[in-house]
Amino acid sequence: MVIAPVQAPIQVPISIGTWDIVLSVTGLVVGLTSLVLGGFAIWLSIRFKADADKVNQTTLQLLGDIRAEAKGITAYALPELRSYGEMARQIIIPPKGTASGTVPPKGSKHA
């Protein structure tokens, strides 16, 4: 039995030496692209961190301003709330000897 040689269905016109050059150049281009993209990613992360640090400092300053304003509002609002609370308690639970739902006059002993 004689076996006939099988011919490849696709003819490659480029020789093996040329393929080595093409693959080497392609690998070099891909490697350089990878390095450039890696450097860009590092630069971008450093820039985003710097921007985030700026925002953090601004937020801390705003927080300090909010705390200062809250102390001022609290110093003014708490006495007012206490007086409103006492007035509401007098209306809801009137002192003995006064009509229900009325506020006793300021000069009375229940005021």
N, C-alpha and C. Protein backbone atom coordinates (compact mmCIF):
# COMPACT_ATOMS: atom_id res chain seq x y z
N MET A 1 0.84 -1.16 0.00
CA MET A 1 0.00 0.00 0.00
C MET A 1 0.90 1.24 0.00
N VAL A 2 0.61 2.14 -0.92
CA VAL A 2 1.40 3.35 -1.08
C VAL A 2 0.59 4.52 -0.54
N ILE A 3 1.24 5.30 0.30
CA ILE A 3 0.55 6.47 0.88
C ILE A 3 1.01 7.70 0.11
N ALA A 4 0.05 8.39 -0.45
CA ALA A 4 0.37 9.60 -1.20
C ALA A 4 0.55 10.77 -0.23
N PRO A 5 1.46 11.67 -0.49
CA PRO A 5 1.63 12.83 0.40
C PRO A 5 0.39 13.71 0.36
N VAL A 6 0.05 14.26 1.52
CA VAL A 6 -1.14 15.13 1.63
C VAL A 6 -0.68 16.56 1.47
N GLN A 7 -1.38 17.28 0.64
CA GLN A 7 -1.02 18.67 0.42
C GLN A 7 -1.88 19.56 1.32
N ALA A 8 -1.26 20.58 1.89
CA ALA A 8 -1.98 21.52 2.77
C ALA A 8 -2.99 22.30 1.96
N PRO A 9 -4.18 22.51 2.50
CA PRO A 9 -5.21 23.22 1.75
C PRO A 9 -4.90 24.71 1.59
N ILE A 10 -4.11 25.29 2.50
CA ILE A 10 -3.81 26.73 2.42
C ILE A 10 -2.32 26.87 2.17
N GLN A 11 -1.99 27.61 1.18
CA GLN A 11 -0.60 27.86 0.87
C GLN A 11 -0.16 29.14 1.60
N VAL A 12 0.92 29.08 2.37
CA VAL A 12 1.42 30.23 3.10
C VAL A 12 2.55 30.82 2.27
N PRO A 13 2.35 32.02 1.72
CA PRO A 13 3.39 32.59 0.87
C PRO A 13 4.55 33.20 1.65
N ILE A 14 4.40 33.36 2.98
CA ILE A 14 5.45 33.97 3.79
C ILE A 14 6.32 32.85 4.35
N SER A 15 7.60 33.03 4.30
CA SER A 15 8.49 32.00 4.82
C SER A 15 8.54 32.07 6.34
N ILE A 16 9.11 31.05 6.96
CA ILE A 16 9.17 30.96 8.42
C ILE A 16 9.95 32.12 9.00
N GLY A 17 11.03 32.53 8.40
CA GLY A 17 11.84 33.64 8.89
C GLY A 17 11.05 34.94 8.93
N THR A 18 10.20 35.15 7.96
CA THR A 18 9.37 36.36 7.93
C THR A 18 8.34 36.34 9.05
N TRP A 19 7.77 35.16 9.33
CA TRP A 19 6.81 35.04 10.43
C TRP A 19 7.47 35.38 11.77
N ASP A 20 8.69 34.98 11.94
CA ASP A 20 9.41 35.32 13.18
C ASP A 20 9.53 36.82 13.34
N ILE A 21 9.84 37.50 12.26
CA ILE A 21 9.97 38.96 12.32
C ILE A 21 8.62 39.60 12.63
N VAL A 22 7.56 39.14 11.95
CA VAL A 22 6.23 39.71 12.18
C VAL A 22 5.80 39.49 13.62
N LEU A 23 5.99 38.29 14.12
CA LEU A 23 5.59 38.01 15.50
C LEU A 23 6.43 38.79 16.50
N SER A 24 7.71 38.95 16.24
CA SER A 24 8.57 39.72 17.14
C SER A 24 8.16 41.18 17.18
N VAL A 25 7.90 41.75 16.02
CA VAL A 25 7.48 43.16 15.96
C VAL A 25 6.12 43.33 16.62
N THR A 26 5.21 42.40 16.37
CA THR A 26 3.89 42.47 17.01
C THR A 26 4.02 42.36 18.52
N GLY A 27 4.83 41.47 18.99
CA GLY A 27 5.05 41.33 20.44
C GLY A 27 5.66 42.58 21.04
N LEU A 28 6.60 43.18 20.32
CA LEU A 28 7.22 44.42 20.80
C LEU A 28 6.20 45.54 20.89
N VAL A 29 5.37 45.69 19.87
CA VAL A 29 4.34 46.74 19.86
C VAL A 29 3.34 46.51 20.99
N VAL A 30 2.91 45.28 21.16
CA VAL A 30 1.95 44.96 22.22
C VAL A 30 2.57 45.20 23.60
N GLY A 31 3.83 44.82 23.76
CA GLY A 31 4.52 45.04 25.04
C GLY A 31 4.66 46.52 25.36
N LEU A 32 5.07 47.32 24.37
CA LEU A 32 5.18 48.76 24.59
C LEU A 32 3.83 49.40 24.90
N THR A 33 2.79 48.95 24.19
CA THR A 33 1.45 49.45 24.46
C THR A 33 1.03 49.12 25.87
N SER A 34 1.36 47.94 26.32
CA SER A 34 1.03 47.54 27.69
C SER A 34 1.75 48.42 28.71
N LEU A 35 3.02 48.71 28.47
CA LEU A 35 3.76 49.58 29.37
C LEU A 35 3.19 50.99 29.40
N VAL A 36 2.84 51.51 28.23
CA VAL A 36 2.26 52.86 28.16
C VAL A 36 0.93 52.90 28.90
N LEU A 37 0.08 51.90 28.69
CA LEU A 37 -1.21 51.86 29.39
C LEU A 37 -1.03 51.69 30.89
N GLY A 38 -0.04 50.90 31.30
CA GLY A 38 0.24 50.75 32.73
C GLY A 38 0.70 52.06 33.35
N GLY A 39 1.60 52.78 32.66
CA GLY A 39 2.04 54.10 33.15
C GLY A 39 0.89 55.08 33.22
N PHE A 40 0.01 55.07 32.21
CA PHE A 40 -1.16 55.95 32.22
C PHE A 40 -2.09 55.62 33.39
N ALA A 41 -2.27 54.35 33.67
CA ALA A 41 -3.14 53.94 34.78
C ALA A 41 -2.56 54.40 36.11
N ILE A 42 -1.25 54.30 36.27
CA ILE A 42 -0.62 54.76 37.51
C ILE A 42 -0.76 56.27 37.65
N TRP A 43 -0.51 57.01 36.57
CA TRP A 43 -0.65 58.47 36.60
C TRP A 43 -2.09 58.87 36.93
N LEU A 44 -3.04 58.17 36.32
CA LEU A 44 -4.45 58.48 36.56
C LEU A 44 -4.85 58.22 38.00
N SER A 45 -4.36 57.14 38.58
CA SER A 45 -4.70 56.84 39.98
C SER A 45 -4.08 57.87 40.93
N ILE A 46 -2.86 58.33 40.63
CA ILE A 46 -2.24 59.36 41.46
C ILE A 46 -3.02 60.67 41.35
N ARG A 47 -3.46 61.01 40.15
CA ARG A 47 -4.24 62.23 39.97
C ARG A 47 -5.58 62.15 40.71
N PHE A 48 -6.26 61.02 40.61
CA PHE A 48 -7.54 60.87 41.30
C PHE A 48 -7.35 60.93 42.81
N LYS A 49 -6.24 60.38 43.32
CA LYS A 49 -6.00 60.45 44.75
C LYS A 49 -5.78 61.89 45.19
N ALA A 50 -5.05 62.67 44.40
CA ALA A 50 -4.82 64.08 44.72
C ALA A 50 -6.15 64.85 44.72
N ASP A 51 -7.00 64.58 43.73
CA ASP A 51 -8.31 65.23 43.69
C ASP A 51 -9.16 64.83 44.90
N ALA A 52 -9.11 63.57 45.27
CA ALA A 52 -9.89 63.09 46.41
C ALA A 52 -9.38 63.72 47.71
N ASP A 53 -8.06 63.91 47.82
CA ASP A 53 -7.51 64.57 49.01
C ASP A 53 -7.97 66.02 49.10
N LYS A 54 -8.05 66.72 47.96
CA LYS A 54 -8.55 68.10 47.96
C LYS A 54 -10.00 68.14 48.41
N VAL A 55 -10.81 67.24 47.89
CA VAL A 55 -12.22 67.19 48.28
C VAL A 55 -12.35 66.86 49.77
N ASN A 56 -11.50 65.98 50.26
CA ASN A 56 -11.53 65.61 51.67
C ASN A 56 -11.21 66.82 52.55
N GLN A 57 -10.21 67.62 52.17
CA GLN A 57 -9.86 68.81 52.95
C GLN A 57 -11.01 69.81 52.94
N THR A 58 -11.64 70.01 51.79
CA THR A 58 -12.79 70.91 51.70
C THR A 58 -13.93 70.42 52.57
N THR A 59 -14.16 69.13 52.57
CA THR A 59 -15.23 68.55 53.37
C THR A 59 -14.95 68.75 54.86
N LEU A 60 -13.70 68.57 55.26
CA LEU A 60 -13.36 68.78 56.67
C LEU A 60 -13.56 70.24 57.08
N GLN A 61 -13.21 71.18 56.20
CA GLN A 61 -13.44 72.59 56.50
C GLN A 61 -14.93 72.89 56.62
N LEU A 62 -15.72 72.34 55.71
CA LEU A 62 -17.17 72.54 55.77
C LEU A 62 -17.76 71.93 57.04
N LEU A 63 -17.24 70.79 57.44
CA LEU A 63 -17.72 70.15 58.66
C LEU A 63 -17.45 71.04 59.86
N GLY A 64 -16.28 71.67 59.91
CA GLY A 64 -15.97 72.59 61.00
C GLY A 64 -16.92 73.78 61.01
N ASP A 65 -17.23 74.31 59.82
CA ASP A 65 -18.18 75.42 59.73
C ASP A 65 -19.57 75.00 60.19
N ILE A 66 -19.98 73.80 59.80
CA ILE A 66 -21.30 73.31 60.20
C ILE A 66 -21.36 73.13 61.71
N ARG A 67 -20.31 72.62 62.31
CA ARG A 67 -20.29 72.45 63.76
C ARG A 67 -20.39 73.80 64.47
N ALA A 68 -19.67 74.80 63.96
CA ALA A 68 -19.72 76.13 64.58
C ALA A 68 -21.12 76.72 64.46
N GLU A 69 -21.73 76.59 63.30
CA GLU A 69 -23.09 77.11 63.12
C GLU A 69 -24.09 76.35 63.97
N ALA A 70 -23.90 75.06 64.10
CA ALA A 70 -24.82 74.25 64.91
C ALA A 70 -24.76 74.67 66.37
N LYS A 71 -23.56 75.00 66.86
CA LYS A 71 -23.45 75.46 68.25
C LYS A 71 -24.18 76.77 68.44
N GLY A 72 -24.06 77.68 67.47
CA GLY A 72 -24.77 78.96 67.56
C GLY A 72 -26.27 78.77 67.52
N ILE A 73 -26.74 77.92 66.65
CA ILE A 73 -28.18 77.66 66.55
C ILE A 73 -28.69 77.00 67.82
N THR A 74 -27.91 76.07 68.34
CA THR A 74 -28.31 75.38 69.57
C THR A 74 -28.40 76.35 70.74
N ALA A 75 -27.43 77.26 70.83
CA ALA A 75 -27.45 78.23 71.93
C ALA A 75 -28.68 79.12 71.86
N TYR A 76 -29.15 79.43 70.66
CA TYR A 76 -30.34 80.26 70.52
C TYR A 76 -31.63 79.43 70.62
N ALA A 77 -31.64 78.26 70.03
CA ALA A 77 -32.88 77.50 69.89
C ALA A 77 -33.30 76.78 71.17
N LEU A 78 -32.36 76.27 71.97
CA LEU A 78 -32.75 75.50 73.16
C LEU A 78 -33.56 76.30 74.16
N PRO A 79 -33.19 77.53 74.50
CA PRO A 79 -34.06 78.28 75.41
C PRO A 79 -35.46 78.52 74.82
N GLU A 80 -35.51 78.76 73.53
CA GLU A 80 -36.82 78.96 72.88
C GLU A 80 -37.65 77.68 72.97
N LEU A 81 -37.02 76.55 72.69
CA LEU A 81 -37.75 75.28 72.76
C LEU A 81 -38.22 74.98 74.18
N ARG A 82 -37.39 75.30 75.16
CA ARG A 82 -37.81 75.09 76.54
C ARG A 82 -39.02 75.93 76.88
N SER A 83 -39.02 77.21 76.46
CA SER A 83 -40.16 78.08 76.77
C SER A 83 -41.42 77.59 76.04
N TYR A 84 -41.27 77.15 74.78
CA TYR A 84 -42.44 76.61 74.07
C TYR A 84 -42.94 75.34 74.75
N GLY A 85 -42.03 74.51 75.21
CA GLY A 85 -42.43 73.28 75.90
C GLY A 85 -43.18 73.58 77.19
N GLU A 86 -42.70 74.55 77.96
CA GLU A 86 -43.40 74.90 79.20
C GLU A 86 -44.77 75.48 78.89
N MET A 87 -44.87 76.33 77.87
CA MET A 87 -46.16 76.89 77.49
C MET A 87 -47.12 75.78 77.04
N ALA A 88 -46.62 74.82 76.26
CA ALA A 88 -47.48 73.73 75.79
C ALA A 88 -47.94 72.87 76.97
N ARG A 89 -47.03 72.62 77.93
CA ARG A 89 -47.44 71.84 79.10
C ARG A 89 -48.50 72.56 79.91
N GLN A 90 -48.41 73.88 79.99
CA GLN A 90 -49.42 74.64 80.72
C GLN A 90 -50.76 74.58 80.01
N ILE A 91 -50.74 74.55 78.69
CA ILE A 91 -52.00 74.47 77.94
C ILE A 91 -52.58 73.07 78.03
N ILE A 92 -51.75 72.06 77.88
CA ILE A 92 -52.24 70.68 77.89
C ILE A 92 -52.61 70.26 79.30
N ILE A 93 -51.76 70.53 80.26
CA ILE A 93 -52.02 70.17 81.66
C ILE A 93 -52.06 71.48 82.45
N PRO A 94 -53.22 72.10 82.52
CA PRO A 94 -53.29 73.40 83.19
C PRO A 94 -53.06 73.25 84.71
N PRO A 95 -52.46 74.25 85.33
CA PRO A 95 -52.30 74.22 86.77
C PRO A 95 -53.65 74.21 87.47
N LYS A 96 -53.69 73.73 88.68
CA LYS A 96 -54.96 73.68 89.42
C LYS A 96 -55.49 75.09 89.61
N GLY A 97 -56.80 75.23 89.43
CA GLY A 97 -57.45 76.51 89.65
C GLY A 97 -57.55 77.36 88.40
N THR A 98 -57.11 76.85 87.25
CA THR A 98 -57.27 77.62 86.01
C THR A 98 -58.13 76.81 85.06
N ALA A 99 -58.73 77.50 84.10
CA ALA A 99 -59.58 76.82 83.13
C ALA A 99 -58.71 76.01 82.17
N SER A 100 -59.25 74.92 81.68
CA SER A 100 -58.50 74.05 80.78
C SER A 100 -58.24 74.76 79.46
N GLY A 101 -57.01 74.69 78.99
CA GLY A 101 -56.68 75.24 77.69
C GLY A 101 -56.35 76.72 77.70
N THR A 102 -56.25 77.36 78.84
CA THR A 102 -55.88 78.77 78.87
C THR A 102 -54.51 78.92 79.51
N VAL A 103 -53.81 79.93 79.11
CA VAL A 103 -52.49 80.21 79.67
C VAL A 103 -52.68 81.20 80.80
N PRO A 104 -52.15 80.91 81.99
CA PRO A 104 -52.30 81.84 83.11
C PRO A 104 -51.54 83.14 82.82
N PRO A 105 -52.00 84.25 83.36
CA PRO A 105 -51.33 85.51 83.14
C PRO A 105 -49.89 85.46 83.68
N LYS A 106 -49.04 86.36 83.16
CA LYS A 106 -47.63 86.35 83.53
C LYS A 106 -47.41 86.66 85.01
N GLY A 107 -48.22 87.48 85.57
CA GLY A 107 -48.02 87.86 86.97
C GLY A 107 -48.52 86.83 87.97
N SER A 108 -49.24 85.80 87.53
CA SER A 108 -49.80 84.84 88.47
C SER A 108 -48.72 83.89 88.98
N LYS A 109 -49.03 83.19 90.07
CA LYS A 109 -48.06 82.29 90.64
C LYS A 109 -47.88 81.02 89.82
N HIS A 110 -48.77 80.76 88.86
CA HIS A 110 -48.68 79.56 88.00
C HIS A 110 -47.91 79.83 86.73
N ALA A 111 -47.54 81.06 86.45
CA ALA A 111 -46.88 81.39 85.19
C ALA A 111 -45.44 80.98 85.17
